[in-house]
Amino acid sequence: MDSPQTPHPPQPSAQSETPVRVSRTFEANRQRVFRAWTDPELLIRWFADEDSDMTVRALDLRVGGRYRFEGVKSGQKWAIEGVFREVKPPERLVYTWGREPGVRRAR
């Protein structure tokens, strides 16, 4: 008689997906907030401050599409990239978030 196999627990990795939910309330309509997260020019204004430089290298706004932001802050290069999991304008935007291995994290 065969014994049932027990599944192995997931192994942590540098790119493990840990769900994080961020919810904020803004004095703006949903369309405007969604656009701030999906328009390259507005993203730069949203994320970069006066002493940093940021470029949106990729922004494929569809399920499975990739994004990549690169920049320099205080002389240190950084890069963030991910994949869109859900895109439902203007109500929901779900994506992965990770920094490129070997590139320092922005501070």
C-alpha atoms as a PDB file:
ATOM      1  CA  MET A   1       0.000   0.000   0.000  1.00  0.00           C
ATOM      2  CA  ASP A   2       1.386   3.364  -1.013  1.00  0.00           C
ATOM      3  CA  SER A   3       1.485   6.117   1.558  1.00  0.00           C
ATOM      4  CA  PRO A   4       0.300   9.563   0.469  1.00  0.00           C
ATOM      5  CA  GLN A   5       3.057  11.997  -0.277  1.00  0.00           C
ATOM      6  CA  THR A   6       3.135  15.099   1.851  1.00  0.00           C
ATOM      7  CA  PRO A   7       3.693  18.285  -0.103  1.00  0.00           C
ATOM      8  CA  HIS A   8       6.884  20.154   0.610  1.00  0.00           C
ATOM      9  CA  PRO A   9       6.425  23.627   2.070  1.00  0.00           C
ATOM     10  CA  PRO A  10       7.460  26.458  -0.240  1.00  0.00           C
ATOM     11  CA  GLN A  11      11.089  27.421   0.093  1.00  0.00           C
ATOM     12  CA  PRO A  12      11.849  31.107   0.647  1.00  0.00           C
ATOM     13  CA  SER A  13      13.777  32.819  -2.096  1.00  0.00           C
ATOM     14  CA  ALA A  14      14.997  36.288  -2.968  1.00  0.00           C
ATOM     15  CA  GLN A  15      11.966  36.661  -5.240  1.00  0.00           C
ATOM     16  CA  SER A  16       9.352  34.990  -3.008  1.00  0.00           C
ATOM     17  CA  GLU A  17       5.904  36.483  -3.307  1.00  0.00           C
ATOM     18  CA  THR A  18       4.592  37.669   0.031  1.00  0.00           C
ATOM     19  CA  PRO A  19       1.247  39.420  -0.377  1.00  0.00           C
ATOM     20  CA  VAL A  20       1.125  42.983   0.852  1.00  0.00           C
ATOM     21  CA  ARG A  21      -1.995  45.081   0.651  1.00  0.00           C
ATOM     22  CA  VAL A  22      -1.664  48.843   0.718  1.00  0.00           C
ATOM     23  CA  SER A  23      -4.766  50.972   1.004  1.00  0.00           C
ATOM     24  CA  ARG A  24      -4.846  54.764   1.105  1.00  0.00           C
ATOM     25  CA  THR A  25      -7.505  57.442   0.846  1.00  0.00           C
ATOM     26  CA  PHE A  26      -6.809  60.506  -1.298  1.00  0.00           C
ATOM     27  CA  GLU A  27      -8.801  63.623  -2.022  1.00  0.00           C
ATOM     28  CA  ALA A  28      -8.990  62.723  -5.705  1.00  0.00           C
ATOM     29  CA  ASN A  29     -11.274  60.613  -7.853  1.00  0.00           C
ATOM     30  CA  ARG A  30     -10.367  57.002  -8.665  1.00  0.00           C
ATOM     31  CA  GLN A  31      -9.423  57.781 -12.258  1.00  0.00           C
ATOM     32  CA  ARG A  32      -6.881  60.361 -11.166  1.00  0.00           C
ATOM     33  CA  VAL A  33      -5.271  58.078  -8.574  1.00  0.00           C
ATOM     34  CA  PHE A  34      -5.169  55.132 -11.003  1.00  0.00           C
ATOM     35  CA  ARG A  35      -3.562  57.357 -13.632  1.00  0.00           C
ATOM     36  CA  ALA A  36      -0.919  58.479 -11.110  1.00  0.00           C
ATOM     37  CA  TRP A  37       0.163  54.823 -10.811  1.00  0.00           C
ATOM     38  CA  THR A  38      -0.001  54.043 -14.537  1.00  0.00           C
ATOM     39  CA  ASP A  39       1.171  57.129 -16.445  1.00  0.00           C
ATOM     40  CA  PRO A  40       5.001  57.227 -16.722  1.00  0.00           C
ATOM     41  CA  GLU A  41       5.255  61.007 -16.232  1.00  0.00           C
ATOM     42  CA  LEU A  42       3.012  60.923 -13.174  1.00  0.00           C
ATOM     43  CA  LEU A  43       4.785  57.853 -11.765  1.00  0.00           C
ATOM     44  CA  ILE A  44       8.037  59.755 -11.796  1.00  0.00           C
ATOM     45  CA  ARG A  45       6.419  62.643  -9.922  1.00  0.00           C
ATOM     46  CA  TRP A  46       4.833  60.163  -7.478  1.00  0.00           C
ATOM     47  CA  PHE A  47       7.990  58.156  -6.683  1.00  0.00           C
ATOM     48  CA  ALA A  48      11.001  60.389  -7.257  1.00  0.00           C
ATOM     49  CA  ASP A  49      11.938  63.253  -4.996  1.00  0.00           C
ATOM     50  CA  GLU A  50      14.121  66.267  -5.744  1.00  0.00           C
ATOM     51  CA  ASP A  51      17.447  64.514  -5.094  1.00  0.00           C
ATOM     52  CA  SER A  52      16.738  61.424  -7.176  1.00  0.00           C
ATOM     53  CA  ASP A  53      16.574  60.589 -10.845  1.00  0.00           C
ATOM     54  CA  MET A  54      14.061  58.033 -12.104  1.00  0.00           C
ATOM     55  CA  THR A  55      13.235  56.524 -15.487  1.00  0.00           C
ATOM     56  CA  VAL A  56      10.323  54.272 -16.396  1.00  0.00           C
ATOM     57  CA  ARG A  57      12.019  51.677 -18.643  1.00  0.00           C
ATOM     58  CA  ALA A  58       8.959  49.455 -19.146  1.00  0.00           C
ATOM     59  CA  LEU A  59       5.266  49.780 -18.339  1.00  0.00           C
ATOM     60  CA  ASP A  60       3.161  47.136 -20.112  1.00  0.00           C
ATOM     61  CA  LEU A  61      -0.144  47.775 -18.395  1.00  0.00           C
ATOM     62  CA  ARG A  62      -1.927  44.437 -18.900  1.00  0.00           C
ATOM     63  CA  VAL A  63      -2.167  41.175 -16.989  1.00  0.00           C
ATOM     64  CA  GLY A  64       1.216  39.496 -17.394  1.00  0.00           C
ATOM     65  CA  GLY A  65       2.803  42.756 -18.555  1.00  0.00           C
ATOM     66  CA  ARG A  66       6.074  43.839 -17.007  1.00  0.00           C
ATOM     67  CA  TYR A  67       7.229  47.133 -15.567  1.00  0.00           C
ATOM     68  CA  ARG A  68      10.689  48.382 -14.686  1.00  0.00           C
ATOM     69  CA  PHE A  69      11.758  51.591 -12.956  1.00  0.00           C
ATOM     70  CA  GLU A  70      15.413  52.625 -12.700  1.00  0.00           C
ATOM     71  CA  GLY A  71      17.021  55.505 -10.949  1.00  0.00           C
ATOM     72  CA  VAL A  72      19.817  57.054  -8.965  1.00  0.00           C
ATOM     73  CA  LYS A  73      19.430  58.441  -5.461  1.00  0.00           C
ATOM     74  CA  SER A  74      22.339  59.896  -3.511  1.00  0.00           C
ATOM     75  CA  GLY A  75      24.727  58.466  -6.107  1.00  0.00           C
ATOM     76  CA  GLN A  76      23.374  54.915  -5.758  1.00  0.00           C
ATOM     77  CA  LYS A  77      21.694  53.123  -8.671  1.00  0.00           C
ATOM     78  CA  TRP A  78      18.446  51.273  -8.019  1.00  0.00           C
ATOM     79  CA  ALA A  79      15.995  49.253 -10.082  1.00  0.00           C
ATOM     80  CA  ILE A  80      12.503  47.957  -9.315  1.00  0.00           C
ATOM     81  CA  GLU A  81      10.655  45.543 -11.554  1.00  0.00           C
ATOM     82  CA  GLY A  82       7.581  43.370 -11.503  1.00  0.00           C
ATOM     83  CA  VAL A  83       4.625  41.868 -13.317  1.00  0.00           C
ATOM     84  CA  PHE A  84       1.023  43.066 -13.357  1.00  0.00           C
ATOM     85  CA  ARG A  85      -1.322  40.411 -11.927  1.00  0.00           C
ATOM     86  CA  GLU A  86      -4.603  42.362 -12.193  1.00  0.00           C
ATOM     87  CA  VAL A  87      -5.405  45.528 -14.122  1.00  0.00           C
ATOM     88  CA  LYS A  88      -8.960  46.842 -13.703  1.00  0.00           C
ATOM     89  CA  PRO A  89      -9.047  50.587 -14.400  1.00  0.00           C
ATOM     90  CA  PRO A  90      -9.737  52.564 -12.317  1.00  0.00           C
ATOM     91  CA  GLU A  91     -10.443  50.276  -9.368  1.00  0.00           C
ATOM     92  CA  ARG A  92      -7.669  47.717  -8.969  1.00  0.00           C
ATOM     93  CA  LEU A  93      -3.982  47.336  -9.765  1.00  0.00           C
ATOM     94  CA  VAL A  94      -2.180  44.225  -8.478  1.00  0.00           C
ATOM     95  CA  TYR A  95       1.499  43.652  -9.235  1.00  0.00           C
ATOM     96  CA  THR A  96       4.660  42.012  -7.984  1.00  0.00           C
ATOM     97  CA  TRP A  97       7.446  44.234  -6.641  1.00  0.00           C
ATOM     98  CA  GLY A  98      11.102  43.377  -6.487  1.00  0.00           C
ATOM     99  CA  ARG A  99      14.481  44.948  -6.768  1.00  0.00           C
ATOM    100  CA  GLU A 100      17.043  43.744  -9.226  1.00  0.00           C
ATOM    101  CA  PRO A 101      19.627  41.458  -7.615  1.00  0.00           C
ATOM    102  CA  GLY A 102      22.972  43.196  -7.213  1.00  0.00           C
ATOM    103  CA  VAL A 103      21.495  46.700  -7.430  1.00  0.00           C
ATOM    104  CA  ARG A 104      21.314  48.614  -4.168  1.00  0.00           C
ATOM    105  CA  ARG A 105      17.962  49.457  -2.679  1.00  0.00           C
ATOM    106  CA  ALA A 106      16.953  53.131  -2.774  1.00  0.00           C
ATOM    107  CA  ARG A 107      16.947  54.853   0.615  1.00  0.00           C
END
